[in-house]
């Protein structure tokens, strides 16, 4: 890993952070259970995956897959909730956040891994 890659990654993270600040409340983009799912499954995937790719690239690939798995979990939580049956959006907000944010985190980490690798 060289200095240019690290600087580009820091600029990428700063650019995304500024974008999130500009579009609304940054707190709405932070969901610890979703972050934990994506990072933990990404790390497990990176450790278990065989192949010639570097560990950072494997982590990025695992993060994307974990993001989509988290999205499916969120969709199931939405459809299985009382709020969905009643049409009450306030009751399914957390499930919608998990559904959307896990994919966001997965691709955020994958793009960062692509820059670093």
PDB file of N, CA and C in Angstrom:
ATOM      1  N   UNK A   1       0.852  -1.170   0.000  1.00  0.00           N
ATOM      2  CA  UNK A   1       0.000   0.000   0.000  1.00  0.00           C
ATOM      3  C   UNK A   1       0.902   1.239   0.000  1.00  0.00           C
ATOM      4  N   UNK A   2       0.685   2.105  -0.957  1.00  0.00           N
ATOM      5  CA  UNK A   2       1.537   3.285  -1.020  1.00  0.00           C
ATOM      6  C   UNK A   2       0.790   4.536  -0.554  1.00  0.00           C
ATOM      7  N   UNK A   3       1.524   5.604  -0.441  1.00  0.00           N
ATOM      8  CA  UNK A   3       0.974   6.857   0.075  1.00  0.00           C
ATOM      9  C   UNK A   3      -0.136   7.406  -0.810  1.00  0.00           C
ATOM     10  N   UNK A   4       0.014   7.279  -2.113  1.00  0.00           N
ATOM     11  CA  UNK A   4      -1.010   7.789  -3.035  1.00  0.00           C
ATOM     12  C   UNK A   4      -2.349   7.103  -2.813  1.00  0.00           C
ATOM     13  N   UNK A   5      -2.325   5.798  -2.627  1.00  0.00           N
ATOM     14  CA  UNK A   5      -3.569   5.052  -2.396  1.00  0.00           C
ATOM     15  C   UNK A   5      -4.226   5.481  -1.088  1.00  0.00           C
ATOM     16  N   UNK A   6      -3.435   5.679  -0.068  1.00  0.00           N
ATOM     17  CA  UNK A   6      -3.977   6.098   1.234  1.00  0.00           C
ATOM     18  C   UNK A   6      -4.588   7.491   1.125  1.00  0.00           C
ATOM     19  N   UNK A   7      -3.904   8.404   0.439  1.00  0.00           N
ATOM     20  CA  UNK A   7      -4.425   9.762   0.261  1.00  0.00           C
ATOM     21  C   UNK A   7      -5.719   9.737  -0.552  1.00  0.00           C
ATOM     22  N   UNK A   8      -5.741   8.946  -1.620  1.00  0.00           N
ATOM     23  CA  UNK A   8      -6.961   8.837  -2.437  1.00  0.00           C
ATOM     24  C   UNK A   8      -8.121   8.263  -1.627  1.00  0.00           C
ATOM     25  N   UNK A   9      -7.829   7.303  -0.782  1.00  0.00           N
ATOM     26  CA  UNK A   9      -8.870   6.719   0.068  1.00  0.00           C
ATOM     27  C   UNK A   9      -9.397   7.752   1.057  1.00  0.00           C
ATOM     28  N   UNK A  10      -8.511   8.528   1.657  1.00  0.00           N
ATOM     29  CA  UNK A  10      -8.944   9.570   2.592  1.00  0.00           C
ATOM     30  C   UNK A  10      -9.789  10.633   1.886  1.00  0.00           C
ATOM     31  N   UNK A  11      -9.408  10.994   0.667  1.00  0.00           N
ATOM     32  CA  UNK A  11     -10.200  11.958  -0.106  1.00  0.00           C
ATOM     33  C   UNK A  11     -11.567  11.367  -0.420  1.00  0.00           C
ATOM     34  N   UNK A  12     -11.608  10.096  -0.787  1.00  0.00           N
ATOM     35  CA  UNK A  12     -12.875   9.404  -1.069  1.00  0.00           C
ATOM     36  C   UNK A  12     -13.792   9.430   0.156  1.00  0.00           C
ATOM     37  N   UNK A  13     -13.253   9.082   1.327  1.00  0.00           N
ATOM     38  CA  UNK A  13     -14.057   9.080   2.558  1.00  0.00           C
ATOM     39  C   UNK A  13     -14.529  10.496   2.875  1.00  0.00           C
ATOM     40  N   UNK A  14     -13.656  11.483   2.720  1.00  0.00           N
ATOM     41  CA  UNK A  14     -14.046  12.879   2.979  1.00  0.00           C
ATOM     42  C   UNK A  14     -15.127  13.335   2.005  1.00  0.00           C
ATOM     43  N   UNK A  15     -15.005  12.958   0.750  1.00  0.00           N
ATOM     44  CA  UNK A  15     -15.999  13.331  -0.256  1.00  0.00           C
ATOM     45  C   UNK A  15     -17.367  12.749   0.090  1.00  0.00           C
ATOM     46  N   UNK A  16     -17.404  11.482   0.475  1.00  0.00           N
ATOM     47  CA  UNK A  16     -18.675  10.850   0.859  1.00  0.00           C
ATOM     48  C   UNK A  16     -19.230  11.516   2.114  1.00  0.00           C
ATOM     49  N   UNK A  17     -18.375  11.802   3.096  1.00  0.00           N
ATOM     50  CA  UNK A  17     -18.833  12.446   4.328  1.00  0.00           C
ATOM     51  C   UNK A  17     -19.434  13.820   4.037  1.00  0.00           C
ATOM     52  N   UNK A  18     -18.784  14.608   3.195  1.00  0.00           N
ATOM     53  CA  UNK A  18     -19.310  15.932   2.830  1.00  0.00           C
ATOM     54  C   UNK A  18     -20.643  15.790   2.100  1.00  0.00           C
ATOM     55  N   UNK A  19     -20.728  14.808   1.227  1.00  0.00           N
ATOM     56  CA  UNK A  19     -21.983  14.576   0.505  1.00  0.00           C
ATOM     57  C   UNK A  19     -23.112  14.250   1.472  1.00  0.00           C
ATOM     58  N   UNK A  20     -22.849  13.395   2.453  1.00  0.00           N
ATOM     59  CA  UNK A  20     -23.880  13.032   3.431  1.00  0.00           C
ATOM     60  C   UNK A  20     -24.298  14.234   4.264  1.00  0.00           C
ATOM     61  N   UNK A  21     -23.357  15.087   4.616  1.00  0.00           N
ATOM     62  CA  UNK A  21     -23.677  16.299   5.377  1.00  0.00           C
ATOM     63  C   UNK A  21     -24.547  17.231   4.545  1.00  0.00           C
ATOM     64  N   UNK A  22     -24.251  17.334   3.267  1.00  0.00           N
ATOM     65  CA  UNK A  22     -24.984  18.255   2.399  1.00  0.00           C
ATOM     66  C   UNK A  22     -26.413  17.796   2.124  1.00  0.00           C
ATOM     67  N   UNK A  23     -26.663  16.491   2.088  1.00  0.00           N
ATOM     68  CA  UNK A  23     -28.008  16.018   1.753  1.00  0.00           C
ATOM     69  C   UNK A  23     -28.924  15.876   2.959  1.00  0.00           C
ATOM     70  N   UNK A  24     -28.394  15.962   4.146  1.00  0.00           N
ATOM     71  CA  UNK A  24     -29.280  15.853   5.301  1.00  0.00           C
ATOM     72  C   UNK A  24     -28.529  15.520   6.571  1.00  0.00           C
ATOM     73  N   UNK A  25     -29.263  15.072   7.528  1.00  0.00           N
ATOM     74  CA  UNK A  25     -28.732  14.719   8.832  1.00  0.00           C
ATOM     75  C   UNK A  25     -27.837  13.489   8.712  1.00  0.00           C
ATOM     76  N   UNK A  26     -26.579  13.619   9.100  1.00  0.00           N
ATOM     77  CA  UNK A  26     -25.621  12.509   8.991  1.00  0.00           C
ATOM     78  C   UNK A  26     -26.057  11.323   9.861  1.00  0.00           C
ATOM     79  N   UNK A  27     -26.714  11.583  10.949  1.00  0.00           N
ATOM     80  CA  UNK A  27     -27.134  10.505  11.853  1.00  0.00           C
ATOM     81  C   UNK A  27     -28.057   9.497  11.179  1.00  0.00           C
ATOM     82  N   UNK A  28     -28.777   9.919  10.165  1.00  0.00           N
ATOM     83  CA  UNK A  28     -29.675   8.984   9.488  1.00  0.00           C
ATOM     84  C   UNK A  28     -28.918   7.952   8.659  1.00  0.00           C
ATOM     85  N   UNK A  29     -27.637   8.191   8.431  1.00  0.00           N
ATOM     86  CA  UNK A  29     -26.817   7.253   7.666  1.00  0.00           C
ATOM     87  C   UNK A  29     -26.005   6.326   8.562  1.00  0.00           C
ATOM     88  N   UNK A  30     -26.198   6.420   9.860  1.00  0.00           N
ATOM     89  CA  UNK A  30     -25.435   5.593  10.797  1.00  0.00           C
ATOM     90  C   UNK A  30     -26.377   4.614  11.485  1.00  0.00           C
ATOM     91  N   UNK A  31     -26.113   3.334  11.261  1.00  0.00           N
ATOM     92  CA  UNK A  31     -26.889   2.272  11.886  1.00  0.00           C
ATOM     93  C   UNK A  31     -25.911   1.180  12.297  1.00  0.00           C
ATOM     94  N   UNK A  32     -25.619   1.110  13.583  1.00  0.00           N
ATOM     95  CA  UNK A  32     -24.591   0.193  14.063  1.00  0.00           C
ATOM     96  C   UNK A  32     -24.866  -1.272  13.733  1.00  0.00           C
ATOM     97  N   UNK A  33     -26.095  -1.773  13.903  1.00  0.00           N
ATOM     98  CA  UNK A  33     -26.311  -3.180  13.519  1.00  0.00           C
ATOM     99  C   UNK A  33     -25.995  -3.446  12.048  1.00  0.00           C
ATOM    100  N   UNK A  34     -26.325  -2.516  11.179  1.00  0.00           N
ATOM    101  CA  UNK A  34     -26.029  -2.691   9.755  1.00  0.00           C
ATOM    102  C   UNK A  34     -24.525  -2.648   9.505  1.00  0.00           C
ATOM    103  N   UNK A  35     -23.829  -1.749  10.164  1.00  0.00           N
ATOM    104  CA  UNK A  35     -22.372  -1.669  10.021  1.00  0.00           C
ATOM    105  C   UNK A  35     -21.721  -2.954  10.506  1.00  0.00           C
ATOM    106  N   UNK A  36     -22.170  -3.450  11.642  1.00  0.00           N
ATOM    107  CA  UNK A  36     -21.600  -4.676  12.207  1.00  0.00           C
ATOM    108  C   UNK A  36     -21.814  -5.856  11.273  1.00  0.00           C
ATOM    109  N   UNK A  37     -23.006  -5.980  10.710  1.00  0.00           N
ATOM    110  CA  UNK A  37     -23.297  -7.081   9.782  1.00  0.00           C
ATOM    111  C   UNK A  37     -22.350  -7.031   8.589  1.00  0.00           C
ATOM    112  N   UNK A  38     -22.217  -5.879   7.978  1.00  0.00           N
ATOM    113  CA  UNK A  38     -21.398  -5.756   6.767  1.00  0.00           C
ATOM    114  C   UNK A  38     -19.915  -5.968   7.070  1.00  0.00           C
ATOM    115  N   UNK A  39     -19.414  -5.342   8.104  1.00  0.00           N
ATOM    116  CA  UNK A  39     -17.985  -5.461   8.415  1.00  0.00           C
ATOM    117  C   UNK A  39     -17.643  -6.882   8.882  1.00  0.00           C
ATOM    118  N   UNK A  40     -18.445  -7.429   9.791  1.00  0.00           N
ATOM    119  CA  UNK A  40     -18.147  -8.770  10.307  1.00  0.00           C
ATOM    120  C   UNK A  40     -18.200  -9.818   9.202  1.00  0.00           C
ATOM    121  N   UNK A  41     -19.234  -9.780   8.370  1.00  0.00           N
ATOM    122  CA  UNK A  41     -19.321 -10.757   7.294  1.00  0.00           C
ATOM    123  C   UNK A  41     -18.257 -10.510   6.227  1.00  0.00           C
ATOM    124  N   UNK A  42     -17.901  -9.255   5.995  1.00  0.00           N
ATOM    125  CA  UNK A  42     -16.814  -8.945   5.064  1.00  0.00           C
ATOM    126  C   UNK A  42     -15.486  -9.511   5.539  1.00  0.00           C
ATOM    127  N   UNK A  43     -15.208  -9.382   6.840  1.00  0.00           N
ATOM    128  CA  UNK A  43     -13.973  -9.931   7.406  1.00  0.00           C
ATOM    129  C   UNK A  43     -13.983 -11.455   7.324  1.00  0.00           C
ATOM    130  N   UNK A  44     -15.107 -12.070   7.689  1.00  0.00           N
ATOM    131  CA  UNK A  44     -15.192 -13.535   7.605  1.00  0.00           C
ATOM    132  C   UNK A  44     -15.000 -14.024   6.175  1.00  0.00           C
ATOM    133  N   UNK A  45     -15.591 -13.329   5.226  1.00  0.00           N
ATOM    134  CA  UNK A  45     -15.437 -13.690   3.818  1.00  0.00           C
ATOM    135  C   UNK A  45     -13.974 -13.562   3.399  1.00  0.00           C
ATOM    136  N   UNK A  46     -13.327 -12.480   3.804  1.00  0.00           N
ATOM    137  CA  UNK A  46     -11.924 -12.263   3.436  1.00  0.00           C
ATOM    138  C   UNK A  46     -11.024 -13.354   4.008  1.00  0.00           C
ATOM    139  N   UNK A  47     -11.317 -13.805   5.213  1.00  0.00           N
ATOM    140  CA  UNK A  47     -10.498 -14.851   5.833  1.00  0.00           C
ATOM    141  C   UNK A  47     -10.738 -16.214   5.198  1.00  0.00           C
ATOM    142  N   UNK A  48     -11.957 -16.461   4.746  1.00  0.00           N
ATOM    143  CA  UNK A  48     -12.304 -17.785   4.230  1.00  0.00           C
ATOM    144  C   UNK A  48     -12.086 -17.937   2.732  1.00  0.00           C
ATOM    145  N   UNK A  49     -12.112 -16.841   1.990  1.00  0.00           N
ATOM    146  CA  UNK A  49     -12.044 -16.889   0.533  1.00  0.00           C
ATOM    147  C   UNK A  49     -10.658 -17.329   0.066  1.00  0.00           C
ATOM    148  N   UNK A  50     -10.648 -18.289  -0.825  1.00  0.00           N
ATOM    149  CA  UNK A  50      -9.404 -18.731  -1.464  1.00  0.00           C
ATOM    150  C   UNK A  50      -9.242 -17.963  -2.765  1.00  0.00           C
ATOM    151  N   UNK A  51      -8.048 -17.824  -3.215  1.00  0.00           N
ATOM    152  CA  UNK A  51      -7.821 -17.158  -4.489  1.00  0.00           C
ATOM    153  C   UNK A  51      -6.611 -16.261  -4.436  1.00  0.00           C
ATOM    154  N   UNK A  52      -6.357 -15.631  -5.561  1.00  0.00           N
ATOM    155  CA  UNK A  52      -5.167 -14.811  -5.706  1.00  0.00           C
ATOM    156  C   UNK A  52      -5.382 -13.352  -5.311  1.00  0.00           C
ATOM    157  N   UNK A  53      -6.620 -12.938  -5.107  1.00  0.00           N
ATOM    158  CA  UNK A  53      -6.890 -11.551  -4.723  1.00  0.00           C
ATOM    159  C   UNK A  53      -6.275 -11.252  -3.363  1.00  0.00           C
ATOM    160  N   UNK A  54      -5.947  -9.981  -3.154  1.00  0.00           N
ATOM    161  CA  UNK A  54      -5.422  -9.559  -1.861  1.00  0.00           C
ATOM    162  C   UNK A  54      -6.520  -9.554  -0.805  1.00  0.00           C
ATOM    163  N   UNK A  55      -6.132  -9.488   0.440  1.00  0.00           N
ATOM    164  CA  UNK A  55      -7.080  -9.526   1.559  1.00  0.00           C
ATOM    165  C   UNK A  55      -8.021  -8.328   1.515  1.00  0.00           C
ATOM    166  N   UNK A  56      -7.531  -7.170   1.079  1.00  0.00           N
ATOM    167  CA  UNK A  56      -8.374  -5.970   1.009  1.00  0.00           C
ATOM    168  C   UNK A  56      -9.449  -6.156  -0.057  1.00  0.00           C
ATOM    169  N   UNK A  57      -9.059  -6.707  -1.210  1.00  0.00           N
ATOM    170  CA  UNK A  57     -10.020  -6.953  -2.293  1.00  0.00           C
ATOM    171  C   UNK A  57     -11.056  -7.990  -1.864  1.00  0.00           C
ATOM    172  N   UNK A  58     -10.613  -9.021  -1.166  1.00  0.00           N
ATOM    173  CA  UNK A  58     -11.543 -10.047  -0.683  1.00  0.00           C
ATOM    174  C   UNK A  58     -12.524  -9.447   0.314  1.00  0.00           C
ATOM    175  N   UNK A  59     -12.019  -8.562   1.191  1.00  0.00           N
ATOM    176  CA  UNK A  59     -12.900  -7.895   2.150  1.00  0.00           C
ATOM    177  C   UNK A  59     -13.958  -7.067   1.421  1.00  0.00           C
ATOM    178  N   UNK A  60     -13.540  -6.316   0.402  1.00  0.00           N
ATOM    179  CA  UNK A  60     -14.487  -5.510  -0.366  1.00  0.00           C
ATOM    180  C   UNK A  60     -15.558  -6.365  -1.018  1.00  0.00           C
ATOM    181  N   UNK A  61     -15.155  -7.480  -1.600  1.00  0.00           N
ATOM    182  CA  UNK A  61     -16.122  -8.395  -2.212  1.00  0.00           C
ATOM    183  C   UNK A  61     -17.088  -8.959  -1.168  1.00  0.00           C
ATOM    184  N   UNK A  62     -16.549  -9.315  -0.010  1.00  0.00           N
ATOM    185  CA  UNK A  62     -17.403  -9.832   1.067  1.00  0.00           C
ATOM    186  C   UNK A  62     -18.351  -8.778   1.605  1.00  0.00           C
ATOM    187  N   UNK A  63     -17.891  -7.524   1.662  1.00  0.00           N
ATOM    188  CA  UNK A  63     -18.741  -6.433   2.166  1.00  0.00           C
ATOM    189  C   UNK A  63     -19.946  -6.218   1.254  1.00  0.00           C
ATOM    190  N   UNK A  64     -19.731  -6.285  -0.051  1.00  0.00           N
ATOM    191  CA  UNK A  64     -20.856  -6.131  -0.985  1.00  0.00           C
ATOM    192  C   UNK A  64     -21.849  -7.268  -0.807  1.00  0.00           C
ATOM    193  N   UNK A  65     -21.358  -8.479  -0.714  1.00  0.00           N
ATOM    194  CA  UNK A  65     -22.251  -9.632  -0.526  1.00  0.00           C
ATOM    195  C   UNK A  65     -22.991  -9.531   0.803  1.00  0.00           C
ATOM    196  N   UNK A  66     -22.294  -9.094   1.843  1.00  0.00           N
ATOM    197  CA  UNK A  66     -22.933  -8.924   3.145  1.00  0.00           C
ATOM    198  C   UNK A  66     -23.983  -7.819   3.087  1.00  0.00           C
ATOM    199  N   UNK A  67     -23.713  -6.773   2.319  1.00  0.00           N
ATOM    200  CA  UNK A  67     -24.686  -5.700   2.163  1.00  0.00           C
ATOM    201  C   UNK A  67     -25.972  -6.198   1.543  1.00  0.00           C
ATOM    202  N   UNK A  68     -25.854  -7.015   0.519  1.00  0.00           N
ATOM    203  CA  UNK A  68     -27.064  -7.555  -0.111  1.00  0.00           C
ATOM    204  C   UNK A  68     -27.769  -8.548   0.800  1.00  0.00           C
ATOM    205  N   UNK A  69     -27.010  -9.327   1.562  1.00  0.00           N
ATOM    206  CA  UNK A  69     -27.635 -10.237   2.527  1.00  0.00           C
ATOM    207  C   UNK A  69     -28.390  -9.445   3.590  1.00  0.00           C
ATOM    208  N   UNK A  70     -27.784  -8.364   4.077  1.00  0.00           N
ATOM    209  CA  UNK A  70     -28.465  -7.494   5.038  1.00  0.00           C
ATOM    210  C   UNK A  70     -29.710  -6.867   4.455  1.00  0.00           C
ATOM    211  N   UNK A  71     -29.671  -6.543   3.182  1.00  0.00           N
ATOM    212  CA  UNK A  71     -30.847  -5.987   2.516  1.00  0.00           C
ATOM    213  C   UNK A  71     -31.985  -7.001   2.472  1.00  0.00           C
ATOM    214  N   UNK A  72     -31.657  -8.230   2.170  1.00  0.00           N
ATOM    215  CA  UNK A  72     -32.685  -9.285   2.163  1.00  0.00           C
ATOM    216  C   UNK A  72     -33.267  -9.475   3.560  1.00  0.00           C
ATOM    217  N   UNK A  73     -32.406  -9.431   4.574  1.00  0.00           N
ATOM    218  CA  UNK A  73     -32.894  -9.534   5.963  1.00  0.00           C
ATOM    219  C   UNK A  73     -33.839  -8.372   6.263  1.00  0.00           C
ATOM    220  N   UNK A  74     -33.472  -7.164   5.831  1.00  0.00           N
ATOM    221  CA  UNK A  74     -34.328  -5.995   6.039  1.00  0.00           C
ATOM    222  C   UNK A  74     -35.667  -6.121   5.328  1.00  0.00           C
ATOM    223  N   UNK A  75     -35.660  -6.647   4.104  1.00  0.00           N
ATOM    224  CA  UNK A  75     -36.913  -6.834   3.365  1.00  0.00           C
ATOM    225  C   UNK A  75     -37.818  -7.831   4.084  1.00  0.00           C
ATOM    226  N   UNK A  76     -37.236  -8.914   4.567  1.00  0.00           N
ATOM    227  CA  UNK A  76     -38.029  -9.899   5.312  1.00  0.00           C
ATOM    228  C   UNK A  76     -38.596  -9.267   6.582  1.00  0.00           C
ATOM    229  N   UNK A  77     -37.776  -8.447   7.256  1.00  0.00           N
ATOM    230  CA  UNK A  77     -38.265  -7.766   8.465  1.00  0.00           C
ATOM    231  C   UNK A  77     -39.401  -6.800   8.138  1.00  0.00           C
ATOM    232  N   UNK A  78     -39.324  -6.152   6.998  1.00  0.00           N
ATOM    233  CA  UNK A  78     -40.394  -5.233   6.586  1.00  0.00           C
ATOM    234  C   UNK A  78     -41.690  -6.014   6.348  1.00  0.00           C
ATOM    235  N   UNK A  79     -41.597  -7.054   5.530  1.00  0.00           N
ATOM    236  CA  UNK A  79     -42.801  -7.824   5.190  1.00  0.00           C
ATOM    237  C   UNK A  79     -43.388  -8.557   6.388  1.00  0.00           C
ATOM    238  N   UNK A  80     -42.547  -8.901   7.353  1.00  0.00           N
ATOM    239  CA  UNK A  80     -43.031  -9.625   8.526  1.00  0.00           C
ATOM    240  C   UNK A  80     -43.509  -8.747   9.653  1.00  0.00           C
ATOM    241  N   UNK A  81     -43.421  -7.440   9.475  1.00  0.00           N
ATOM    242  CA  UNK A  81     -43.779  -6.533  10.573  1.00  0.00           C
ATOM    243  C   UNK A  81     -45.272  -6.215  10.572  1.00  0.00           C
ATOM    244  N   UNK A  82     -45.750  -5.840  11.737  1.00  0.00           N
ATOM    245  CA  UNK A  82     -47.151  -5.404  11.858  1.00  0.00           C
ATOM    246  C   UNK A  82     -47.363  -4.090  11.107  1.00  0.00           C
ATOM    247  N   UNK A  83     -46.328  -3.267  11.068  1.00  0.00           N
ATOM    248  CA  UNK A  83     -46.442  -1.987  10.372  1.00  0.00           C
ATOM    249  C   UNK A  83     -46.719  -2.150   8.896  1.00  0.00           C
ATOM    250  N   UNK A  84     -46.153  -3.158   8.269  1.00  0.00           N
ATOM    251  CA  UNK A  84     -46.396  -3.409   6.846  1.00  0.00           C
ATOM    252  C   UNK A  84     -47.843  -3.828   6.631  1.00  0.00           C
ATOM    253  N   UNK A  85     -48.342  -4.714   7.494  1.00  0.00           N
ATOM    254  CA  UNK A  85     -49.722  -5.183   7.356  1.00  0.00           C
ATOM    255  C   UNK A  85     -50.711  -4.043   7.580  1.00  0.00           C
ATOM    256  N   UNK A  86     -50.360  -3.129   8.470  1.00  0.00           N
ATOM    257  CA  UNK A  86     -51.246  -2.006   8.778  1.00  0.00           C
ATOM    258  C   UNK A  86     -51.009  -0.803   7.872  1.00  0.00           C
ATOM    259  N   UNK A  87     -49.940  -0.826   7.106  1.00  0.00           N
ATOM    260  CA  UNK A  87     -49.602   0.314   6.262  1.00  0.00           C
ATOM    261  C   UNK A  87     -49.029   1.476   7.045  1.00  0.00           C
ATOM    262  N   UNK A  88     -48.486   1.203   8.227  1.00  0.00           N
ATOM    263  CA  UNK A  88     -47.946   2.242   9.103  1.00  0.00           C
ATOM    264  C   UNK A  88     -46.428   2.329   8.905  1.00  0.00           C
ATOM    265  N   UNK A  89     -45.997   3.336   8.169  1.00  0.00           N
ATOM    266  CA  UNK A  89     -44.573   3.488   7.852  1.00  0.00           C
ATOM    267  C   UNK A  89     -43.711   3.747   9.079  1.00  0.00           C
ATOM    268  N   UNK A  90     -44.276   4.342  10.118  1.00  0.00           N
ATOM    269  CA  UNK A  90     -43.474   4.640  11.303  1.00  0.00           C
ATOM    270  C   UNK A  90     -43.016   3.371  12.012  1.00  0.00           C
ATOM    271  N   UNK A  91     -43.722   2.281  11.813  1.00  0.00           N
ATOM    272  CA  UNK A  91     -43.358   1.024  12.469  1.00  0.00           C
ATOM    273  C   UNK A  91     -42.320   0.213  11.687  1.00  0.00           C
ATOM    274  N   UNK A  92     -42.084   0.578  10.441  1.00  0.00           N
ATOM    275  CA  UNK A  92     -41.124  -0.202   9.653  1.00  0.00           C
ATOM    276  C   UNK A  92     -39.869   0.598   9.310  1.00  0.00           C
ATOM    277  N   UNK A  93     -39.682   1.740   9.940  1.00  0.00           N
ATOM    278  CA  UNK A  93     -38.536   2.596   9.640  1.00  0.00           C
ATOM    279  C   UNK A  93     -37.196   1.929   9.870  1.00  0.00           C
ATOM    280  N   UNK A  94     -37.030   1.233  10.987  1.00  0.00           N
ATOM    281  CA  UNK A  94     -35.751   0.591  11.292  1.00  0.00           C
ATOM    282  C   UNK A  94     -35.431  -0.495  10.276  1.00  0.00           C
ATOM    283  N   UNK A  95     -36.437  -1.265   9.895  1.00  0.00           N
ATOM    284  CA  UNK A  95     -36.223  -2.321   8.903  1.00  0.00           C
ATOM    285  C   UNK A  95     -35.861  -1.716   7.545  1.00  0.00           C
ATOM    286  N   UNK A  96     -36.468  -0.591   7.206  1.00  0.00           N
ATOM    287  CA  UNK A  96     -36.121   0.091   5.956  1.00  0.00           C
ATOM    288  C   UNK A  96     -34.680   0.599   5.990  1.00  0.00           C
ATOM    289  N   UNK A  97     -34.251   1.079   7.148  1.00  0.00           N
ATOM    290  CA  UNK A  97     -32.869   1.548   7.287  1.00  0.00           C
ATOM    291  C   UNK A  97     -31.884   0.401   7.088  1.00  0.00           C
ATOM    292  N   UNK A  98     -32.149  -0.732   7.715  1.00  0.00           N
ATOM    293  CA  UNK A  98     -31.273  -1.901   7.554  1.00  0.00           C
ATOM    294  C   UNK A  98     -31.266  -2.343   6.098  1.00  0.00           C
ATOM    295  N   UNK A  99     -32.416  -2.352   5.492  1.00  0.00           N
ATOM    296  CA  UNK A  99     -32.558  -2.768   4.100  1.00  0.00           C
ATOM    297  C   UNK A  99     -31.715  -1.900   3.170  1.00  0.00           C
ATOM    298  N   UNK A 100     -31.700  -0.619   3.403  1.00  0.00           N
ATOM    299  CA  UNK A 100     -30.996   0.306   2.518  1.00  0.00           C
ATOM    300  C   UNK A 100     -29.534   0.512   2.902  1.00  0.00           C
ATOM    301  N   UNK A 101     -29.276   0.666   4.183  1.00  0.00           N
ATOM    302  CA  UNK A 101     -27.931   1.030   4.617  1.00  0.00           C
ATOM    303  C   UNK A 101     -26.915  -0.085   4.451  1.00  0.00           C
ATOM    304  N   UNK A 102     -27.329  -1.338   4.567  1.00  0.00           N
ATOM    305  CA  UNK A 102     -26.354  -2.411   4.411  1.00  0.00           C
ATOM    306  C   UNK A 102     -25.774  -2.426   2.996  1.00  0.00           C
ATOM    307  N   UNK A 103     -26.607  -2.170   2.009  1.00  0.00           N
ATOM    308  CA  UNK A 103     -26.105  -2.102   0.627  1.00  0.00           C
ATOM    309  C   UNK A 103     -25.179  -0.895   0.473  1.00  0.00           C
ATOM    310  N   UNK A 104     -25.564   0.231   1.046  1.00  0.00           N
ATOM    311  CA  UNK A 104     -24.719   1.428   1.011  1.00  0.00           C
ATOM    312  C   UNK A 104     -23.358   1.149   1.637  1.00  0.00           C
ATOM    313  N   UNK A 105     -23.344   0.555   2.834  1.00  0.00           N
ATOM    314  CA  UNK A 105     -22.083   0.257   3.509  1.00  0.00           C
ATOM    315  C   UNK A 105     -21.243  -0.729   2.699  1.00  0.00           C
ATOM    316  N   UNK A 106     -21.888  -1.729   2.135  1.00  0.00           N
ATOM    317  CA  UNK A 106     -21.156  -2.718   1.346  1.00  0.00           C
ATOM    318  C   UNK A 106     -20.432  -2.085   0.171  1.00  0.00           C
ATOM    319  N   UNK A 107     -21.133  -1.253  -0.585  1.00  0.00           N
ATOM    320  CA  UNK A 107     -20.502  -0.611  -1.738  1.00  0.00           C
ATOM    321  C   UNK A 107     -19.526   0.483  -1.324  1.00  0.00           C
ATOM    322  N   UNK A 108     -19.795   1.154  -0.219  1.00  0.00           N
ATOM    323  CA  UNK A 108     -18.851   2.143   0.310  1.00  0.00           C
ATOM    324  C   UNK A 108     -17.517   1.472   0.622  1.00  0.00           C
ATOM    325  N   UNK A 109     -17.578   0.331   1.300  1.00  0.00           N
ATOM    326  CA  UNK A 109     -16.357  -0.389   1.651  1.00  0.00           C
ATOM    327  C   UNK A 109     -15.696  -1.020   0.422  1.00  0.00           C
ATOM    328  N   UNK A 110     -16.492  -1.514  -0.502  1.00  0.00           N
ATOM    329  CA  UNK A 110     -15.929  -2.101  -1.713  1.00  0.00           C
ATOM    330  C   UNK A 110     -15.163  -1.065  -2.522  1.00  0.00           C
ATOM    331  N   UNK A 111     -15.729   0.114  -2.691  1.00  0.00           N
ATOM    332  CA  UNK A 111     -15.052   1.154  -3.456  1.00  0.00           C
ATOM    333  C   UNK A 111     -13.756   1.572  -2.754  1.00  0.00           C
ATOM    334  N   UNK A 112     -13.812   1.686  -1.428  1.00  0.00           N
ATOM    335  CA  UNK A 112     -12.583   1.982  -0.670  1.00  0.00           C
ATOM    336  C   UNK A 112     -11.538   0.887  -0.841  1.00  0.00           C
ATOM    337  N   UNK A 113     -11.987  -0.371  -0.838  1.00  0.00           N
ATOM    338  CA  UNK A 113     -11.061  -1.494  -1.037  1.00  0.00           C
ATOM    339  C   UNK A 113     -10.465  -1.468  -2.436  1.00  0.00           C
ATOM    340  N   UNK A 114     -11.254  -1.061  -3.420  1.00  0.00           N
ATOM    341  CA  UNK A 114     -10.746  -0.977  -4.791  1.00  0.00           C
ATOM    342  C   UNK A 114      -9.651   0.091  -4.894  1.00  0.00           C
ATOM    343  N   UNK A 115      -9.821   1.187  -4.179  1.00  0.00           N
ATOM    344  CA  UNK A 115      -8.799   2.239  -4.203  1.00  0.00           C
ATOM    345  C   UNK A 115      -7.528   1.751  -3.511  1.00  0.00           C
ATOM    346  N   UNK A 116      -7.688   1.078  -2.371  1.00  0.00           N
ATOM    347  CA  UNK A 116      -6.526   0.638  -1.604  1.00  0.00           C
ATOM    348  C   UNK A 116      -5.785  -0.533  -2.244  1.00  0.00           C
ATOM    349  N   UNK A 117      -6.488  -1.383  -2.954  1.00  0.00           N
ATOM    350  CA  UNK A 117      -5.850  -2.592  -3.483  1.00  0.00           C
ATOM    351  C   UNK A 117      -5.088  -2.319  -4.747  1.00  0.00           C
TER     352      UNK A 117
END
